[in-house]
Amino acid sequence: DLHREIYRTQGKLTSCFGYDSMGRKAWQYATTLPAEKLSQIQNPLIKPERYVEHAYNPIHRRYEYDPAGN
């Protein structure tokens, strides 16, 4: 994830992004929790994509790609 956008803060909204092993965007969500709070609640034993559809993340999206990568 070197030099890859994983968090973006815009006012009170924080967007979080996850990527698959090929470097393609796999999921994203937006929350009103500040980025510093997100780093405190995320447990390293739980995969981050489990947070995508959590109740405090009402805006979420998952991405899928066909075998050709489209």
Foldseek 3Di string as FASTA:
>chain_A
DPPDDAWDDDPQKIKGWDADPVRHTFKMFIASDDPVVVVVPDDPVDDPVVCQPDPRGPGMDGDDADPVRD
